[in-house]
Amino acid sequence: MLKKNMIALCLLQLLSGGDMYGYEILRRLEDVFTGTKEREIYVLLRDLFHDGYTESYQGDKSDGPARKYY
């Protein structure tokens, strides 16, 4: 539980610097929280969104699917 809360705080800190998408956030967190699974990050992002701590929107499409920014 402590790790989850620490990651959530780091997510909020990262997002306070500007909009980011999930994979970008994961790459930034890997240096600090080794072994963090991609699924964990997306679950935390979803929870933070539903609890009103973040907002999200779909970015423009490029070569692949549209990215979801937080």
N, C-alpha and C. Protein backbone atom coordinates (compact mmCIF):
# COMPACT_ATOMS: atom_id res chain seq x y z
N MET A 1 0.82 -1.19 0.00
CA MET A 1 0.00 0.00 0.00
C MET A 1 0.86 1.26 0.00
N LEU A 2 1.96 1.22 0.73
CA LEU A 2 2.84 2.39 0.78
C LEU A 2 3.40 2.71 -0.60
N LYS A 3 3.82 1.66 -1.32
CA LYS A 3 4.36 1.89 -2.66
C LYS A 3 3.31 2.52 -3.56
N LYS A 4 2.09 2.01 -3.48
CA LYS A 4 1.00 2.54 -4.31
C LYS A 4 0.77 4.02 -4.00
N ASN A 5 0.76 4.38 -2.72
CA ASN A 5 0.54 5.78 -2.34
C ASN A 5 1.71 6.66 -2.78
N MET A 6 2.92 6.14 -2.69
CA MET A 6 4.08 6.90 -3.13
C MET A 6 4.05 7.14 -4.64
N ILE A 7 3.66 6.11 -5.38
CA ILE A 7 3.55 6.26 -6.83
C ILE A 7 2.47 7.27 -7.18
N ALA A 8 1.34 7.22 -6.47
CA ALA A 8 0.26 8.18 -6.73
C ALA A 8 0.74 9.61 -6.49
N LEU A 9 1.48 9.82 -5.42
CA LEU A 9 2.01 11.16 -5.14
C LEU A 9 2.98 11.60 -6.24
N CYS A 10 3.82 10.68 -6.69
CA CYS A 10 4.75 10.99 -7.78
C CYS A 10 4.00 11.30 -9.07
N LEU A 11 2.92 10.58 -9.34
CA LEU A 11 2.11 10.86 -10.52
C LEU A 11 1.57 12.28 -10.47
N LEU A 12 1.04 12.67 -9.33
CA LEU A 12 0.49 14.01 -9.19
C LEU A 12 1.59 15.06 -9.35
N GLN A 13 2.76 14.78 -8.80
CA GLN A 13 3.88 15.71 -8.95
C GLN A 13 4.29 15.85 -10.42
N LEU A 14 4.40 14.73 -11.11
CA LEU A 14 4.74 14.78 -12.54
C LEU A 14 3.71 15.58 -13.32
N LEU A 15 2.44 15.33 -13.04
CA LEU A 15 1.38 15.98 -13.79
C LEU A 15 1.25 17.46 -13.45
N SER A 16 1.75 17.86 -12.31
CA SER A 16 1.70 19.29 -11.96
C SER A 16 2.61 20.10 -12.89
N GLY A 17 3.55 19.42 -13.56
CA GLY A 17 4.45 20.09 -14.49
C GLY A 17 3.91 20.21 -15.90
N GLY A 18 2.78 19.59 -16.17
CA GLY A 18 2.18 19.66 -17.50
C GLY A 18 1.53 18.35 -17.89
N ASP A 19 0.79 18.39 -18.97
CA ASP A 19 0.06 17.21 -19.45
C ASP A 19 1.04 16.13 -19.93
N MET A 20 0.69 14.90 -19.62
CA MET A 20 1.49 13.76 -20.03
C MET A 20 0.56 12.59 -20.35
N TYR A 21 1.04 11.66 -21.17
CA TYR A 21 0.26 10.46 -21.44
C TYR A 21 0.87 9.29 -20.66
N GLY A 22 0.10 8.22 -20.52
CA GLY A 22 0.46 7.11 -19.64
C GLY A 22 1.84 6.53 -19.86
N TYR A 23 2.19 6.23 -21.09
CA TYR A 23 3.48 5.60 -21.36
C TYR A 23 4.63 6.53 -21.00
N GLU A 24 4.46 7.81 -21.25
CA GLU A 24 5.47 8.80 -20.90
C GLU A 24 5.68 8.84 -19.37
N ILE A 25 4.58 8.79 -18.64
CA ILE A 25 4.65 8.76 -17.18
C ILE A 25 5.37 7.51 -16.71
N LEU A 26 5.03 6.37 -17.28
CA LEU A 26 5.65 5.11 -16.90
C LEU A 26 7.16 5.17 -17.09
N ARG A 27 7.61 5.68 -18.20
CA ARG A 27 9.06 5.78 -18.47
C ARG A 27 9.76 6.65 -17.43
N ARG A 28 9.10 7.72 -17.02
CA ARG A 28 9.69 8.61 -16.01
C ARG A 28 9.77 7.94 -14.64
N LEU A 29 8.75 7.14 -14.32
CA LEU A 29 8.70 6.51 -13.01
C LEU A 29 9.60 5.28 -12.89
N GLU A 30 9.93 4.66 -14.01
CA GLU A 30 10.74 3.44 -13.98
C GLU A 30 12.09 3.64 -13.30
N ASP A 31 12.65 4.84 -13.41
CA ASP A 31 13.94 5.11 -12.79
C ASP A 31 13.86 5.08 -11.27
N VAL A 32 12.72 5.47 -10.74
CA VAL A 32 12.55 5.54 -9.29
C VAL A 32 11.92 4.27 -8.73
N PHE A 33 10.90 3.79 -9.38
CA PHE A 33 10.17 2.61 -8.92
C PHE A 33 10.40 1.45 -9.87
N THR A 34 11.54 0.82 -9.75
CA THR A 34 11.86 -0.30 -10.63
C THR A 34 10.86 -1.43 -10.39
N GLY A 35 10.49 -2.09 -11.45
CA GLY A 35 9.55 -3.19 -11.35
C GLY A 35 8.09 -2.77 -11.39
N THR A 36 7.84 -1.48 -11.57
CA THR A 36 6.47 -1.00 -11.65
C THR A 36 5.86 -1.47 -12.96
N LYS A 37 4.69 -2.06 -12.86
CA LYS A 37 4.02 -2.57 -14.05
C LYS A 37 3.15 -1.48 -14.68
N GLU A 38 3.06 -1.54 -15.98
CA GLU A 38 2.28 -0.57 -16.74
C GLU A 38 0.84 -0.53 -16.25
N ARG A 39 0.28 -1.70 -15.96
CA ARG A 39 -1.10 -1.79 -15.50
C ARG A 39 -1.29 -0.99 -14.21
N GLU A 40 -0.33 -1.05 -13.30
CA GLU A 40 -0.42 -0.31 -12.04
C GLU A 40 -0.57 1.19 -12.27
N ILE A 41 0.20 1.70 -13.21
CA ILE A 41 0.16 3.13 -13.50
C ILE A 41 -1.21 3.53 -14.04
N TYR A 42 -1.73 2.75 -14.97
CA TYR A 42 -3.02 3.09 -15.55
C TYR A 42 -4.16 2.97 -14.55
N VAL A 43 -4.08 2.01 -13.64
CA VAL A 43 -5.10 1.88 -12.59
C VAL A 43 -5.05 3.11 -11.68
N LEU A 44 -3.84 3.52 -11.29
CA LEU A 44 -3.70 4.71 -10.45
C LEU A 44 -4.19 5.97 -11.17
N LEU A 45 -3.86 6.10 -12.44
CA LEU A 45 -4.32 7.26 -13.21
C LEU A 45 -5.85 7.29 -13.28
N ARG A 46 -6.44 6.14 -13.50
CA ARG A 46 -7.91 6.05 -13.56
C ARG A 46 -8.51 6.44 -12.20
N ASP A 47 -7.92 5.92 -11.12
CA ASP A 47 -8.44 6.22 -9.79
C ASP A 47 -8.30 7.71 -9.46
N LEU A 48 -7.15 8.29 -9.80
CA LEU A 48 -6.94 9.72 -9.55
C LEU A 48 -7.94 10.55 -10.35
N PHE A 49 -8.24 10.11 -11.57
CA PHE A 49 -9.23 10.81 -12.40
C PHE A 49 -10.62 10.72 -11.76
N HIS A 50 -11.02 9.51 -11.37
CA HIS A 50 -12.35 9.33 -10.79
C HIS A 50 -12.51 10.04 -9.45
N ASP A 51 -11.41 10.20 -8.72
CA ASP A 51 -11.46 10.91 -7.43
C ASP A 51 -11.35 12.42 -7.60
N GLY A 52 -11.20 12.89 -8.84
CA GLY A 52 -11.18 14.31 -9.12
C GLY A 52 -9.83 14.98 -8.98
N TYR A 53 -8.76 14.20 -8.88
CA TYR A 53 -7.42 14.78 -8.74
C TYR A 53 -6.77 15.12 -10.08
N THR A 54 -7.26 14.52 -11.15
CA THR A 54 -6.71 14.80 -12.47
C THR A 54 -7.86 14.96 -13.47
N GLU A 55 -7.51 15.45 -14.63
CA GLU A 55 -8.43 15.51 -15.76
C GLU A 55 -7.77 14.76 -16.90
N SER A 56 -8.55 14.38 -17.89
CA SER A 56 -7.97 13.69 -19.04
C SER A 56 -8.66 14.14 -20.33
N TYR A 57 -7.94 13.94 -21.43
CA TYR A 57 -8.49 14.24 -22.75
C TYR A 57 -7.74 13.42 -23.79
N GLN A 58 -8.38 13.22 -24.92
CA GLN A 58 -7.76 12.49 -26.04
C GLN A 58 -6.94 13.47 -26.87
N GLY A 59 -5.69 13.12 -27.12
CA GLY A 59 -4.85 13.94 -27.98
C GLY A 59 -5.13 13.67 -29.44
N ASP A 60 -4.50 14.43 -30.29
CA ASP A 60 -4.64 14.23 -31.73
C ASP A 60 -4.02 12.91 -32.14
N LYS A 61 -4.57 12.31 -33.17
CA LYS A 61 -4.00 11.08 -33.70
C LYS A 61 -2.75 11.40 -34.51
N SER A 62 -1.77 10.54 -34.39
CA SER A 62 -0.58 10.68 -35.24
C SER A 62 -0.50 9.43 -36.10
N ASP A 63 0.56 8.69 -36.01
CA ASP A 63 0.67 7.45 -36.78
C ASP A 63 -0.13 6.31 -36.15
N GLY A 64 -0.37 6.38 -34.85
CA GLY A 64 -1.09 5.32 -34.15
C GLY A 64 -2.39 5.85 -33.57
N PRO A 65 -2.88 5.13 -32.58
CA PRO A 65 -4.12 5.57 -31.93
C PRO A 65 -3.90 6.87 -31.15
N ALA A 66 -4.98 7.59 -30.90
CA ALA A 66 -4.91 8.82 -30.13
C ALA A 66 -4.46 8.52 -28.70
N ARG A 67 -3.63 9.36 -28.15
CA ARG A 67 -3.14 9.19 -26.80
C ARG A 67 -4.09 9.88 -25.82
N LYS A 68 -4.22 9.28 -24.65
CA LYS A 68 -5.01 9.87 -23.59
C LYS A 68 -4.06 10.64 -22.67
N TYR A 69 -4.27 11.92 -22.57
CA TYR A 69 -3.42 12.78 -21.74
C TYR A 69 -4.09 13.05 -20.42
N TYR A 70 -3.27 13.19 -19.39
CA TYR A 70 -3.76 13.52 -18.03
C TYR A 70 -3.14 14.83 -17.62
